[in-house]
C-alpha atoms as a PDB file:
ATOM      1  CA  MET A   1     -14.350  -7.064  -8.015  1.00  0.00           C
ATOM      2  CA  ALA A   2     -14.332  -3.300  -8.290  1.00  0.00           C
ATOM      3  CA  PHE A   3     -11.051  -1.452  -8.258  1.00  0.00           C
ATOM      4  CA  SER A   4     -10.506   0.727  -5.225  1.00  0.00           C
ATOM      5  CA  ARG A   5      -7.555   3.074  -4.928  1.00  0.00           C
ATOM      6  CA  LYS A   6      -7.850   2.852  -1.151  1.00  0.00           C
ATOM      7  CA  ASN A   7      -7.547  -0.956  -1.162  1.00  0.00           C
ATOM      8  CA  MET A   8      -4.597  -0.791  -3.526  1.00  0.00           C
ATOM      9  CA  LEU A   9      -2.873   1.686  -1.204  1.00  0.00           C
ATOM     10  CA  PHE A  10      -3.444  -0.666   1.742  1.00  0.00           C
ATOM     11  CA  ARG A  11      -1.715  -3.400  -0.256  1.00  0.00           C
ATOM     12  CA  VAL A  12       1.153  -1.019  -1.094  1.00  0.00           C
ATOM     13  CA  LYS A  13       1.439  -0.153   2.593  1.00  0.00           C
ATOM     14  CA  GLU A  14       1.614  -3.822   3.560  1.00  0.00           C
ATOM     15  CA  VAL A  15       4.321  -4.550   0.978  1.00  0.00           C
ATOM     16  CA  ASN A  16       6.329  -1.480   2.030  1.00  0.00           C
ATOM     17  CA  GLU A  17       6.151  -2.318   5.724  1.00  0.00           C
ATOM     18  CA  LEU A  18       7.257  -5.904   5.076  1.00  0.00           C
ATOM     19  CA  TYR A  19      10.116  -4.694   2.886  1.00  0.00           C
ATOM     20  CA  VAL A  20      11.327  -2.121   5.430  1.00  0.00           C
ATOM     21  CA  GLU A  21      11.104  -4.636   8.277  1.00  0.00           C
ATOM     22  CA  LYS A  22      13.324  -7.118   6.420  1.00  0.00           C
ATOM     23  CA  ALA A  23      15.682  -4.486   5.003  1.00  0.00           C
ATOM     24  CA  LYS A  24      16.429  -3.167   8.512  1.00  0.00           C
ATOM     25  CA  ILE A  25      18.058  -6.455   9.429  1.00  0.00           C
ATOM     26  CA  GLY A  26      20.326  -6.244   6.390  1.00  0.00           C
ATOM     27  CA  LEU A  27      18.669  -8.486   3.811  1.00  0.00           C
ATOM     28  CA  THR A  28      19.065  -7.630   0.134  1.00  0.00           C
ATOM     29  CA  THR A  29      16.168  -6.485  -2.005  1.00  0.00           C
ATOM     30  CA  GLU A  30      16.434  -9.548  -4.234  1.00  0.00           C
ATOM     31  CA  PHE A  31      16.312 -11.927  -1.259  1.00  0.00           C
ATOM     32  CA  ILE A  32      13.365 -10.072   0.308  1.00  0.00           C
ATOM     33  CA  TYR A  33      11.521 -10.194  -3.001  1.00  0.00           C
ATOM     34  CA  ARG A  34      12.112 -13.894  -3.685  1.00  0.00           C
ATOM     35  CA  THR A  35      11.595 -15.128  -0.122  1.00  0.00           C
ATOM     36  CA  PHE A  36       8.839 -12.958   1.329  1.00  0.00           C
ATOM     37  CA  ILE A  37       7.082 -10.736  -1.203  1.00  0.00           C
ATOM     38  CA  LYS A  38       6.661 -12.863  -4.338  1.00  0.00           C
ATOM     39  CA  PRO A  39       5.131 -15.913  -2.594  1.00  0.00           C
ATOM     40  CA  ARG A  40       2.736 -13.781  -0.557  1.00  0.00           C
ATOM     41  CA  PHE A  41       1.668 -10.999  -2.947  1.00  0.00           C
ATOM     42  CA  HIS A  42       2.382 -12.555  -6.374  1.00  0.00           C
ATOM     43  CA  ILE A  43       3.806  -9.361  -7.859  1.00  0.00           C
ATOM     44  CA  SER A  44       6.740  -8.845 -10.205  1.00  0.00           C
ATOM     45  CA  ARG A  45       9.999  -7.195  -9.238  1.00  0.00           C
ATOM     46  CA  SER A  46       9.148  -4.092 -11.273  1.00  0.00           C
ATOM     47  CA  THR A  47       5.816  -3.815  -9.442  1.00  0.00           C
ATOM     48  CA  LEU A  48       7.686  -4.049  -6.142  1.00  0.00           C
ATOM     49  CA  TYR A  49       9.866  -1.105  -7.156  1.00  0.00           C
ATOM     50  CA  GLU A  50       6.764   0.853  -8.199  1.00  0.00           C
ATOM     51  CA  TYR A  51       5.122   0.118  -4.840  1.00  0.00           C
ATOM     52  CA  LEU A  52       8.230   1.256  -2.972  1.00  0.00           C
ATOM     53  CA  ALA A  53       8.073   4.615  -4.776  1.00  0.00           C
ATOM     54  CA  ILE A  54       4.403   5.339  -3.956  1.00  0.00           C
ATOM     55  CA  PRO A  55       3.825   7.823  -1.088  1.00  0.00           C
ATOM     56  CA  TYR A  56       0.942   5.728   0.260  1.00  0.00           C
ATOM     57  CA  ASP A  57       0.609   7.502   3.621  1.00  0.00           C
ATOM     58  CA  ARG A  58       0.009  10.902   2.022  1.00  0.00           C
ATOM     59  CA  GLN A  59      -2.426   9.488  -0.524  1.00  0.00           C
ATOM     60  CA  LEU A  60      -4.401   7.595   2.133  1.00  0.00           C
ATOM     61  CA  LYS A  61      -4.619  10.778   4.196  1.00  0.00           C
ATOM     62  CA  GLU A  62      -6.030  12.655   1.179  1.00  0.00           C
ATOM     63  CA  ILE A  63      -8.624   9.926   0.611  1.00  0.00           C
ATOM     64  CA  TYR A  64      -9.718  10.046   4.266  1.00  0.00           C
ATOM     65  CA  GLN A  65     -10.011  13.837   4.129  1.00  0.00           C
ATOM     66  CA  ARG A  66     -12.072  13.639   0.928  1.00  0.00           C
ATOM     67  CA  GLU A  67     -14.377  11.013   2.458  1.00  0.00           C
ATOM     68  CA  LYS A  68     -14.809  13.102   5.587  1.00  0.00           C
ATOM     69  CA  ALA A  69     -15.700  16.193   3.535  1.00  0.00           C
ATOM     70  CA  GLU A  70     -18.233  14.207   1.503  1.00  0.00           C
ATOM     71  CA  GLN A  71     -19.757  12.825   4.709  1.00  0.00           C
ATOM     72  CA  GLU A  72     -20.170  16.342   6.118  1.00  0.00           C
ATOM     73  CA  GLN A  73     -21.799  17.577   2.912  1.00  0.00           C
ATOM     74  CA  ASN A  74     -24.153  14.609   2.602  1.00  0.00           C
ATOM     75  CA  PRO A  75     -25.206  13.486   6.073  1.00  0.00           C
ATOM     76  CA  THR A  76     -27.186  10.278   6.353  1.00  0.00           C
ATOM     77  CA  LEU A  77     -30.603  10.089   7.963  1.00  0.00           C
ATOM     78  CA  PHE A  78     -29.696   7.270  10.310  1.00  0.00           C
END
């Protein structure tokens, strides 16, 4: 499978949204990690902290803008 920054950012977004949802109700980071994130995403605790620090919304917006600019420069025939 080819690596795609966009797909990785979607995964980061999903992890972040799950974390924020559970943290709002007062659960600890360790409990959220062990109960919800590790079984579903199979990532380490250090990777979780890296994902939480990534500004995924800004980076996804930049990717969409770049794709849109490329589409305008290279229109398809169909």
